[in-house]
C-alpha atoms as a PDB file:
ATOM      1  CA  UNK A   1       1.589  49.728  54.733  1.00  0.00           C
ATOM      2  CA  UNK A   2      -1.260  48.682  56.691  1.00  0.00           C
ATOM      3  CA  UNK A   3      -4.338  50.631  57.155  1.00  0.00           C
ATOM      4  CA  UNK A   4      -8.225  50.463  57.231  1.00  0.00           C
ATOM      5  CA  UNK A   5      -9.772  48.437  54.174  1.00  0.00           C
ATOM      6  CA  UNK A   6     -12.370  50.621  52.113  1.00  0.00           C
ATOM      7  CA  UNK A   7     -14.549  48.240  50.443  1.00  0.00           C
ATOM      8  CA  UNK A   8     -17.672  48.691  48.262  1.00  0.00           C
ATOM      9  CA  UNK A   9     -18.990  52.191  47.232  1.00  0.00           C
ATOM     10  CA  UNK A  10     -16.703  53.944  49.538  1.00  0.00           C
ATOM     11  CA  UNK A  11     -13.643  52.068  48.253  1.00  0.00           C
ATOM     12  CA  UNK A  12     -14.676  53.293  44.842  1.00  0.00           C
ATOM     13  CA  UNK A  13     -15.136  56.792  45.837  1.00  0.00           C
ATOM     14  CA  UNK A  14     -11.617  56.664  47.824  1.00  0.00           C
ATOM     15  CA  UNK A  15     -10.173  55.425  44.243  1.00  0.00           C
ATOM     16  CA  UNK A  16     -11.978  58.346  42.158  1.00  0.00           C
ATOM     17  CA  UNK A  17     -10.958  61.013  44.580  1.00  0.00           C
ATOM     18  CA  UNK A  18      -7.240  59.453  44.325  1.00  0.00           C
ATOM     19  CA  UNK A  19      -7.523  59.612  40.378  1.00  0.00           C
ATOM     20  CA  UNK A  20      -9.011  63.323  40.471  1.00  0.00           C
ATOM     21  CA  UNK A  21     -12.490  62.005  39.061  1.00  0.00           C
ATOM     22  CA  UNK A  22     -14.057  63.291  42.264  1.00  0.00           C
ATOM     23  CA  UNK A  23     -13.858  66.042  44.536  1.00  0.00           C
ATOM     24  CA  UNK A  24     -13.942  65.481  48.402  1.00  0.00           C
ATOM     25  CA  UNK A  25     -16.766  66.987  50.479  1.00  0.00           C
ATOM     26  CA  UNK A  26     -15.870  69.937  52.388  1.00  0.00           C
ATOM     27  CA  UNK A  27     -15.362  69.354  56.289  1.00  0.00           C
ATOM     28  CA  UNK A  28     -17.488  71.004  58.598  1.00  0.00           C
ATOM     29  CA  UNK A  29     -15.953  72.985  61.633  1.00  0.00           C
ATOM     30  CA  UNK A  30     -16.842  71.140  64.775  1.00  0.00           C
ATOM     31  CA  UNK A  31     -15.600  70.925  68.205  1.00  0.00           C
ATOM     32  CA  UNK A  32     -15.110  68.000  70.634  1.00  0.00           C
ATOM     33  CA  UNK A  33     -14.386  68.080  74.694  1.00  0.00           C
ATOM     34  CA  UNK A  34     -12.610  65.443  76.456  1.00  0.00           C
ATOM     35  CA  UNK A  35     -14.475  65.840  79.754  1.00  0.00           C
ATOM     36  CA  UNK A  36     -12.371  64.574  82.709  1.00  0.00           C
ATOM     37  CA  UNK A  37     -12.668  63.863  86.619  1.00  0.00           C
ATOM     38  CA  UNK A  38     -10.652  62.356  89.322  1.00  0.00           C
ATOM     39  CA  UNK A  39     -11.828  58.703  89.604  1.00  0.00           C
ATOM     40  CA  UNK A  40     -11.445  58.494  93.384  1.00  0.00           C
ATOM     41  CA  UNK A  41      -7.928  57.223  93.773  1.00  0.00           C
ATOM     42  CA  UNK A  42      -7.995  55.006  90.327  1.00  0.00           C
ATOM     43  CA  UNK A  43      -6.692  58.133  88.325  1.00  0.00           C
ATOM     44  CA  UNK A  44      -8.447  60.256  85.533  1.00  0.00           C
ATOM     45  CA  UNK A  45     -11.636  59.311  84.119  1.00  0.00           C
ATOM     46  CA  UNK A  46     -13.201  60.469  80.615  1.00  0.00           C
ATOM     47  CA  UNK A  47     -16.727  60.802  79.796  1.00  0.00           C
ATOM     48  CA  UNK A  48     -17.547  58.625  76.832  1.00  0.00           C
ATOM     49  CA  UNK A  49     -20.971  58.288  74.863  1.00  0.00           C
ATOM     50  CA  UNK A  50     -22.031  55.428  72.708  1.00  0.00           C
ATOM     51  CA  UNK A  51     -23.722  56.697  69.403  1.00  0.00           C
ATOM     52  CA  UNK A  52     -26.984  54.959  68.460  1.00  0.00           C
ATOM     53  CA  UNK A  53     -26.803  52.367  66.031  1.00  0.00           C
ATOM     54  CA  UNK A  54     -29.266  54.025  63.772  1.00  0.00           C
ATOM     55  CA  UNK A  55     -26.930  57.211  63.603  1.00  0.00           C
ATOM     56  CA  UNK A  56     -25.330  57.942  59.989  1.00  0.00           C
ATOM     57  CA  UNK A  57     -21.949  58.920  61.530  1.00  0.00           C
ATOM     58  CA  UNK A  58     -19.814  56.723  64.060  1.00  0.00           C
ATOM     59  CA  UNK A  59     -22.831  54.471  64.642  1.00  0.00           C
ATOM     60  CA  UNK A  60     -21.986  52.456  67.658  1.00  0.00           C
ATOM     61  CA  UNK A  61     -18.802  54.130  68.660  1.00  0.00           C
ATOM     62  CA  UNK A  62     -17.831  55.447  72.033  1.00  0.00           C
ATOM     63  CA  UNK A  63     -16.869  59.085  71.615  1.00  0.00           C
ATOM     64  CA  UNK A  64     -16.568  62.445  73.604  1.00  0.00           C
ATOM     65  CA  UNK A  65     -19.106  64.906  73.541  1.00  0.00           C
ATOM     66  CA  UNK A  66     -19.106  67.114  70.490  1.00  0.00           C
ATOM     67  CA  UNK A  67     -20.566  68.334  67.157  1.00  0.00           C
ATOM     68  CA  UNK A  68     -20.625  70.421  64.342  1.00  0.00           C
ATOM     69  CA  UNK A  69     -20.356  74.601  64.947  1.00  0.00           C
ATOM     70  CA  UNK A  70     -23.514  76.302  64.473  1.00  0.00           C
ATOM     71  CA  UNK A  71     -23.252  79.490  62.732  1.00  0.00           C
ATOM     72  CA  UNK A  72     -24.869  81.383  65.468  1.00  0.00           C
ATOM     73  CA  UNK A  73     -21.919  80.140  67.930  1.00  0.00           C
ATOM     74  CA  UNK A  74     -19.755  82.700  66.377  1.00  0.00           C
ATOM     75  CA  UNK A  75     -22.247  85.448  67.769  1.00  0.00           C
ATOM     76  CA  UNK A  76     -20.585  88.438  69.242  1.00  0.00           C
ATOM     77  CA  UNK A  77     -23.184  88.756  71.913  1.00  0.00           C
ATOM     78  CA  UNK A  78     -21.919  85.664  73.528  1.00  0.00           C
ATOM     79  CA  UNK A  79     -20.672  86.971  77.121  1.00  0.00           C
ATOM     80  CA  UNK A  80     -17.165  85.492  77.418  1.00  0.00           C
ATOM     81  CA  UNK A  81     -14.496  85.042  80.048  1.00  0.00           C
ATOM     82  CA  UNK A  82     -11.045  83.509  79.595  1.00  0.00           C
ATOM     83  CA  UNK A  83      -8.796  83.723  76.547  1.00  0.00           C
ATOM     84  CA  UNK A  84      -9.961  85.788  73.602  1.00  0.00           C
ATOM     85  CA  UNK A  85     -11.096  84.178  70.432  1.00  0.00           C
ATOM     86  CA  UNK A  86      -8.024  85.534  68.979  1.00  0.00           C
ATOM     87  CA  UNK A  87      -5.856  83.670  71.068  1.00  0.00           C
ATOM     88  CA  UNK A  88      -7.708  80.576  70.658  1.00  0.00           C
ATOM     89  CA  UNK A  89      -7.110  81.294  66.917  1.00  0.00           C
ATOM     90  CA  UNK A  90      -3.605  81.326  67.082  1.00  0.00           C
ATOM     91  CA  UNK A  91      -3.573  78.000  68.902  1.00  0.00           C
ATOM     92  CA  UNK A  92      -5.593  76.333  66.278  1.00  0.00           C
ATOM     93  CA  UNK A  93      -4.115  78.279  63.348  1.00  0.00           C
ATOM     94  CA  UNK A  94      -8.053  79.482  62.585  1.00  0.00           C
ATOM     95  CA  UNK A  95      -9.467  82.843  61.995  1.00  0.00           C
ATOM     96  CA  UNK A  96     -10.878  84.715  65.160  1.00  0.00           C
ATOM     97  CA  UNK A  97     -14.353  83.965  64.046  1.00  0.00           C
ATOM     98  CA  UNK A  98     -13.823  80.415  63.369  1.00  0.00           C
ATOM     99  CA  UNK A  99     -12.314  80.066  66.963  1.00  0.00           C
ATOM    100  CA  UNK A 100     -14.957  81.951  68.700  1.00  0.00           C
ATOM    101  CA  UNK A 101     -17.624  79.622  67.009  1.00  0.00           C
ATOM    102  CA  UNK A 102     -15.283  76.475  67.897  1.00  0.00           C
ATOM    103  CA  UNK A 103     -14.991  77.532  71.612  1.00  0.00           C
ATOM    104  CA  UNK A 104     -18.710  78.226  71.732  1.00  0.00           C
ATOM    105  CA  UNK A 105     -19.859  74.905  70.003  1.00  0.00           C
ATOM    106  CA  UNK A 106     -17.406  73.063  72.415  1.00  0.00           C
ATOM    107  CA  UNK A 107     -19.378  74.280  75.299  1.00  0.00           C
ATOM    108  CA  UNK A 108     -22.771  74.131  73.820  1.00  0.00           C
ATOM    109  CA  UNK A 109     -22.119  70.374  72.546  1.00  0.00           C
ATOM    110  CA  UNK A 110     -20.857  69.563  75.908  1.00  0.00           C
ATOM    111  CA  UNK A 111     -23.934  70.957  77.461  1.00  0.00           C
ATOM    112  CA  UNK A 112     -26.418  69.233  74.890  1.00  0.00           C
ATOM    113  CA  UNK A 113     -24.673  65.692  75.349  1.00  0.00           C
ATOM    114  CA  UNK A 114     -23.876  65.606  78.892  1.00  0.00           C
ATOM    115  CA  UNK A 115     -25.851  68.182  80.960  1.00  0.00           C
ATOM    116  CA  UNK A 116     -22.340  69.794  82.006  1.00  0.00           C
ATOM    117  CA  UNK A 117     -22.162  73.620  81.488  1.00  0.00           C
ATOM    118  CA  UNK A 118     -18.712  75.480  81.507  1.00  0.00           C
ATOM    119  CA  UNK A 119     -20.595  78.867  82.395  1.00  0.00           C
ATOM    120  CA  UNK A 120     -21.227  80.746  85.160  1.00  0.00           C
ATOM    121  CA  UNK A 121     -22.616  83.825  86.567  1.00  0.00           C
ATOM    122  CA  UNK A 122     -19.251  85.914  86.462  1.00  0.00           C
ATOM    123  CA  UNK A 123     -15.618  85.259  85.168  1.00  0.00           C
ATOM    124  CA  UNK A 124     -14.898  83.303  88.555  1.00  0.00           C
ATOM    125  CA  UNK A 125     -17.692  81.096  89.218  1.00  0.00           C
ATOM    126  CA  UNK A 126     -19.493  78.311  87.461  1.00  0.00           C
ATOM    127  CA  UNK A 127     -23.018  77.084  87.763  1.00  0.00           C
ATOM    128  CA  UNK A 128     -23.506  74.471  90.349  1.00  0.00           C
ATOM    129  CA  UNK A 129     -26.354  72.564  89.043  1.00  0.00           C
ATOM    130  CA  UNK A 130     -28.039  72.183  85.648  1.00  0.00           C
ATOM    131  CA  UNK A 131     -30.467  69.314  86.611  1.00  0.00           C
ATOM    132  CA  UNK A 132     -33.872  70.994  86.468  1.00  0.00           C
ATOM    133  CA  UNK A 133     -36.840  70.840  84.590  1.00  0.00           C
ATOM    134  CA  UNK A 134     -35.924  74.414  83.310  1.00  0.00           C
ATOM    135  CA  UNK A 135     -32.575  73.378  82.373  1.00  0.00           C
ATOM    136  CA  UNK A 136     -33.758  70.349  80.396  1.00  0.00           C
ATOM    137  CA  UNK A 137     -36.057  72.664  78.408  1.00  0.00           C
ATOM    138  CA  UNK A 138     -33.193  74.872  77.354  1.00  0.00           C
ATOM    139  CA  UNK A 139     -30.904  71.927  76.620  1.00  0.00           C
ATOM    140  CA  UNK A 140     -33.599  70.579  74.067  1.00  0.00           C
ATOM    141  CA  UNK A 141     -34.415  73.979  72.527  1.00  0.00           C
ATOM    142  CA  UNK A 142     -30.528  74.205  72.133  1.00  0.00           C
ATOM    143  CA  UNK A 143     -30.549  70.791  70.498  1.00  0.00           C
ATOM    144  CA  UNK A 144     -33.467  71.613  68.063  1.00  0.00           C
ATOM    145  CA  UNK A 145     -31.801  74.947  67.150  1.00  0.00           C
ATOM    146  CA  UNK A 146     -35.027  77.042  68.325  1.00  0.00           C
ATOM    147  CA  UNK A 147     -32.623  78.711  70.923  1.00  0.00           C
ATOM    148  CA  UNK A 148     -29.373  80.029  69.960  1.00  0.00           C
ATOM    149  CA  UNK A 149     -26.372  79.719  72.560  1.00  0.00           C
ATOM    150  CA  UNK A 150     -26.047  83.444  73.062  1.00  0.00           C
ATOM    151  CA  UNK A 151     -29.483  83.823  73.798  1.00  0.00           C
ATOM    152  CA  UNK A 152     -29.432  80.736  76.294  1.00  0.00           C
ATOM    153  CA  UNK A 153     -26.602  82.368  78.130  1.00  0.00           C
ATOM    154  CA  UNK A 154     -28.155  86.001  78.016  1.00  0.00           C
ATOM    155  CA  UNK A 155     -31.549  84.795  79.359  1.00  0.00           C
ATOM    156  CA  UNK A 156     -29.751  83.109  82.283  1.00  0.00           C
ATOM    157  CA  UNK A 157     -27.286  86.064  82.657  1.00  0.00           C
ATOM    158  CA  UNK A 158     -24.506  83.586  82.498  1.00  0.00           C
ATOM    159  CA  UNK A 159     -20.909  83.828  80.917  1.00  0.00           C
ATOM    160  CA  UNK A 160     -18.974  81.435  78.821  1.00  0.00           C
ATOM    161  CA  UNK A 161     -15.816  80.143  80.842  1.00  0.00           C
ATOM    162  CA  UNK A 162     -13.306  79.667  77.969  1.00  0.00           C
ATOM    163  CA  UNK A 163     -10.572  79.590  80.735  1.00  0.00           C
ATOM    164  CA  UNK A 164     -12.092  76.037  81.785  1.00  0.00           C
ATOM    165  CA  UNK A 165     -11.213  74.860  78.327  1.00  0.00           C
ATOM    166  CA  UNK A 166      -7.527  73.826  77.095  1.00  0.00           C
ATOM    167  CA  UNK A 167      -6.584  73.010  73.335  1.00  0.00           C
ATOM    168  CA  UNK A 168      -5.613  69.338  72.724  1.00  0.00           C
ATOM    169  CA  UNK A 169      -5.983  68.208  69.182  1.00  0.00           C
ATOM    170  CA  UNK A 170      -7.118  68.555  65.718  1.00  0.00           C
ATOM    171  CA  UNK A 171      -8.475  66.043  63.374  1.00  0.00           C
ATOM    172  CA  UNK A 172      -9.899  66.115  59.650  1.00  0.00           C
ATOM    173  CA  UNK A 173     -12.054  63.190  58.443  1.00  0.00           C
ATOM    174  CA  UNK A 174     -10.420  61.455  55.455  1.00  0.00           C
ATOM    175  CA  UNK A 175     -11.206  62.669  52.233  1.00  0.00           C
ATOM    176  CA  UNK A 176     -12.876  59.525  51.045  1.00  0.00           C
ATOM    177  CA  UNK A 177     -15.991  59.995  53.715  1.00  0.00           C
ATOM    178  CA  UNK A 178     -18.855  61.470  52.495  1.00  0.00           C
ATOM    179  CA  UNK A 179     -19.581  63.224  55.917  1.00  0.00           C
ATOM    180  CA  UNK A 180     -16.369  65.316  57.007  1.00  0.00           C
ATOM    181  CA  UNK A 181     -15.573  66.995  59.997  1.00  0.00           C
ATOM    182  CA  UNK A 182     -12.469  69.698  60.790  1.00  0.00           C
ATOM    183  CA  UNK A 183     -12.598  68.965  64.518  1.00  0.00           C
ATOM    184  CA  UNK A 184     -10.620  70.706  67.169  1.00  0.00           C
ATOM    185  CA  UNK A 185     -10.312  68.669  70.379  1.00  0.00           C
ATOM    186  CA  UNK A 186     -10.495  70.431  73.868  1.00  0.00           C
ATOM    187  CA  UNK A 187     -10.117  68.997  77.450  1.00  0.00           C
ATOM    188  CA  UNK A 188     -12.092  70.315  80.434  1.00  0.00           C
ATOM    189  CA  UNK A 189     -12.534  69.198  84.213  1.00  0.00           C
ATOM    190  CA  UNK A 190     -16.074  68.437  85.454  1.00  0.00           C
ATOM    191  CA  UNK A 191     -17.093  71.635  87.180  1.00  0.00           C
ATOM    192  CA  UNK A 192     -17.511  71.071  91.107  1.00  0.00           C
ATOM    193  CA  UNK A 193     -21.057  70.538  91.951  1.00  0.00           C
ATOM    194  CA  UNK A 194     -22.046  69.370  88.521  1.00  0.00           C
ATOM    195  CA  UNK A 195     -22.726  65.698  87.407  1.00  0.00           C
ATOM    196  CA  UNK A 196     -23.290  64.295  83.867  1.00  0.00           C
ATOM    197  CA  UNK A 197     -26.480  62.607  83.249  1.00  0.00           C
ATOM    198  CA  UNK A 198     -27.690  60.258  80.523  1.00  0.00           C
ATOM    199  CA  UNK A 199     -29.455  62.761  78.327  1.00  0.00           C
ATOM    200  CA  UNK A 200     -30.483  60.328  75.462  1.00  0.00           C
ATOM    201  CA  UNK A 201     -30.557  61.992  72.000  1.00  0.00           C
ATOM    202  CA  UNK A 202     -27.738  60.675  69.767  1.00  0.00           C
ATOM    203  CA  UNK A 203     -26.407  58.414  72.460  1.00  0.00           C
ATOM    204  CA  UNK A 204     -27.869  55.300  73.815  1.00  0.00           C
ATOM    205  CA  UNK A 205     -25.400  54.802  76.681  1.00  0.00           C
ATOM    206  CA  UNK A 206     -22.796  56.969  78.725  1.00  0.00           C
ATOM    207  CA  UNK A 207     -20.008  56.158  80.800  1.00  0.00           C
ATOM    208  CA  UNK A 208     -17.230  57.636  82.979  1.00  0.00           C
ATOM    209  CA  UNK A 209     -14.099  55.223  82.344  1.00  0.00           C
ATOM    210  CA  UNK A 210     -10.375  55.055  82.921  1.00  0.00           C
ATOM    211  CA  UNK A 211      -8.520  55.593  79.703  1.00  0.00           C
ATOM    212  CA  UNK A 212      -6.420  52.763  80.028  1.00  0.00           C
ATOM    213  CA  UNK A 213      -9.457  50.441  80.602  1.00  0.00           C
ATOM    214  CA  UNK A 214     -11.360  51.776  77.494  1.00  0.00           C
ATOM    215  CA  UNK A 215      -8.632  50.954  75.213  1.00  0.00           C
ATOM    216  CA  UNK A 216      -8.333  47.562  76.936  1.00  0.00           C
ATOM    217  CA  UNK A 217     -11.773  47.130  76.244  1.00  0.00           C
ATOM    218  CA  UNK A 218     -11.450  48.165  72.674  1.00  0.00           C
ATOM    219  CA  UNK A 219      -8.520  46.011  72.133  1.00  0.00           C
ATOM    220  CA  UNK A 220     -10.824  43.058  73.474  1.00  0.00           C
ATOM    221  CA  UNK A 221     -13.376  43.848  70.854  1.00  0.00           C
ATOM    222  CA  UNK A 222     -15.724  44.931  73.729  1.00  0.00           C
ATOM    223  CA  UNK A 223     -16.081  48.594  72.576  1.00  0.00           C
ATOM    224  CA  UNK A 224     -15.791  50.384  69.306  1.00  0.00           C
ATOM    225  CA  UNK A 225     -13.556  53.573  69.519  1.00  0.00           C
ATOM    226  CA  UNK A 226     -12.742  55.708  66.305  1.00  0.00           C
ATOM    227  CA  UNK A 227      -9.146  56.417  65.647  1.00  0.00           C
ATOM    228  CA  UNK A 228      -9.092  60.024  67.098  1.00  0.00           C
ATOM    229  CA  UNK A 229     -10.846  58.935  70.016  1.00  0.00           C
ATOM    230  CA  UNK A 230      -8.427  56.127  70.726  1.00  0.00           C
ATOM    231  CA  UNK A 231      -5.181  58.012  70.501  1.00  0.00           C
ATOM    232  CA  UNK A 232      -6.542  60.712  72.622  1.00  0.00           C
ATOM    233  CA  UNK A 233      -7.326  58.173  75.389  1.00  0.00           C
ATOM    234  CA  UNK A 234      -3.812  57.046  75.032  1.00  0.00           C
ATOM    235  CA  UNK A 235      -2.526  60.375  75.515  1.00  0.00           C
ATOM    236  CA  UNK A 236      -5.009  60.774  78.530  1.00  0.00           C
ATOM    237  CA  UNK A 237      -3.709  57.502  80.106  1.00  0.00           C
ATOM    238  CA  UNK A 238      -0.148  58.977  80.291  1.00  0.00           C
ATOM    239  CA  UNK A 239      -1.351  61.631  82.993  1.00  0.00           C
ATOM    240  CA  UNK A 240      -2.077  60.809  86.566  1.00  0.00           C
ATOM    241  CA  UNK A 241      -4.448  63.589  87.526  1.00  0.00           C
ATOM    242  CA  UNK A 242      -6.703  66.088  85.964  1.00  0.00           C
ATOM    243  CA  UNK A 243      -4.627  68.861  86.867  1.00  0.00           C
ATOM    244  CA  UNK A 244      -1.793  67.250  85.006  1.00  0.00           C
ATOM    245  CA  UNK A 245      -3.887  67.062  81.958  1.00  0.00           C
ATOM    246  CA  UNK A 246      -4.955  70.931  82.105  1.00  0.00           C
ATOM    247  CA  UNK A 247      -1.260  71.865  82.704  1.00  0.00           C
ATOM    248  CA  UNK A 248       0.140  70.302  79.705  1.00  0.00           C
ATOM    249  CA  UNK A 249       1.373  72.411  77.210  1.00  0.00           C
ATOM    250  CA  UNK A 250       0.088  71.152  73.472  1.00  0.00           C
ATOM    251  CA  UNK A 251       1.475  72.062  70.218  1.00  0.00           C
ATOM    252  CA  UNK A 252      -1.484  71.248  68.060  1.00  0.00           C
ATOM    253  CA  UNK A 253      -0.743  69.039  65.234  1.00  0.00           C
ATOM    254  CA  UNK A 254      -3.278  68.488  62.309  1.00  0.00           C
ATOM    255  CA  UNK A 255      -4.166  64.615  61.533  1.00  0.00           C
ATOM    256  CA  UNK A 256      -6.147  63.698  58.492  1.00  0.00           C
ATOM    257  CA  UNK A 257      -5.566  60.059  57.470  1.00  0.00           C
ATOM    258  CA  UNK A 258      -4.830  59.634  53.952  1.00  0.00           C
ATOM    259  CA  UNK A 259      -5.992  57.533  51.202  1.00  0.00           C
ATOM    260  CA  UNK A 260      -4.130  54.985  49.221  1.00  0.00           C
ATOM    261  CA  UNK A 261      -4.185  51.774  47.107  1.00  0.00           C
ATOM    262  CA  UNK A 262      -2.350  48.966  48.967  1.00  0.00           C
ATOM    263  CA  UNK A 263      -1.993  45.628  46.790  1.00  0.00           C
ATOM    264  CA  UNK A 264      -5.121  46.601  44.597  1.00  0.00           C
ATOM    265  CA  UNK A 265      -7.401  47.486  47.769  1.00  0.00           C
ATOM    266  CA  UNK A 266      -8.306  51.334  48.898  1.00  0.00           C
ATOM    267  CA  UNK A 267      -7.263  51.940  52.314  1.00  0.00           C
ATOM    268  CA  UNK A 268      -7.298  54.877  55.030  1.00  0.00           C
ATOM    269  CA  UNK A 269      -3.715  55.238  56.103  1.00  0.00           C
ATOM    270  CA  UNK A 270      -2.182  57.593  58.657  1.00  0.00           C
ATOM    271  CA  UNK A 271       1.868  57.752  58.270  1.00  0.00           C
ATOM    272  CA  UNK A 272       2.780  57.322  61.898  1.00  0.00           C
ATOM    273  CA  UNK A 273       0.173  54.893  62.783  1.00  0.00           C
ATOM    274  CA  UNK A 274      -1.418  52.515  60.371  1.00  0.00           C
ATOM    275  CA  UNK A 275      -4.270  51.319  62.883  1.00  0.00           C
ATOM    276  CA  UNK A 276      -5.991  54.579  62.535  1.00  0.00           C
ATOM    277  CA  UNK A 277      -9.245  54.969  60.530  1.00  0.00           C
ATOM    278  CA  UNK A 278     -11.904  57.600  59.859  1.00  0.00           C
ATOM    279  CA  UNK A 279     -13.906  59.852  62.048  1.00  0.00           C
ATOM    280  CA  UNK A 280     -13.490  62.890  64.085  1.00  0.00           C
ATOM    281  CA  UNK A 281     -14.726  62.338  67.474  1.00  0.00           C
END
C-alpha cells in the first residue's frame, strides 16, 4: 500500500482519529467549477488559479475556481433558470436546500475568482461582459460578504443559469485534515463574449492550459496539483472538445481518501489510486 505520508502533528492527529481518540472536523459544503474553452485547434483548455503561498489551505497549488457555500446561497430569492434544485439534489444525493446552495456557490465563486458570470437577463441569454468598474465593485462586495448573491442578481435583473453547469464529481477532504470540505465538482463552458481575468485575492497567478500539459508539468514537479484536481484533469484530457465534456453522462461517485498506518507511518490512501492526497479543489 502506498499513499501520501502524514508526518508531525497531522500524522499524530491521524493516528488519534484512527484510534477513536479524536473526532474528525466536520466537512463544509463547497462547490468547484471546471471552466472550459476551446484551445484554438489544440483541444480543450481549463482555467486554473495558483493559490498564494500564504493561504492556510492548498498553498501554492493550482486549483479550479471554487469555495465554501455561503448560507445565503440557499436563498429562495435567487432568480433561477435551468434544472431545479431538487434535480441537482438527486444527482448529488443531497437535500434540495443543499443543492440550491451548491449551485449558487458554484456560480458565485466562479465570478469571484475568474470574473466569469454564468447568469443572464433571461433564461436563454448570458451577460456578455463583466469587466467594468461597477462589476468589479460588486465582485469585491460578494467576496467580503457585504453583498449576497441573491441581491447581486436582483440589482442587475439577472437570472442564474443553472443549465450552463453540468455535474462532474464529489470529493471529501480526508478526516485527518483540520480544514475539510465536502465538495461537488461542476463543469461549464466559458460563455461567448466573456473573458477571464487575473482578479487577485487568494490567487497570485491564473492560466488557461490543456489538461494534458498541466498533468505533464505536475509530473515534472513544475506545478503542484492536489489529487482531485489531478484526477479531474485526467478526465478532461480524454475529451477532444468542450461539447464532448458537457455531453458526458456522469454517475457521481464520492471519493474520500482514507487514513491508514503503513509500516508504522500514517498515510492518506485511496483504494483505487495510492497517489491521491488531501484536498477538495
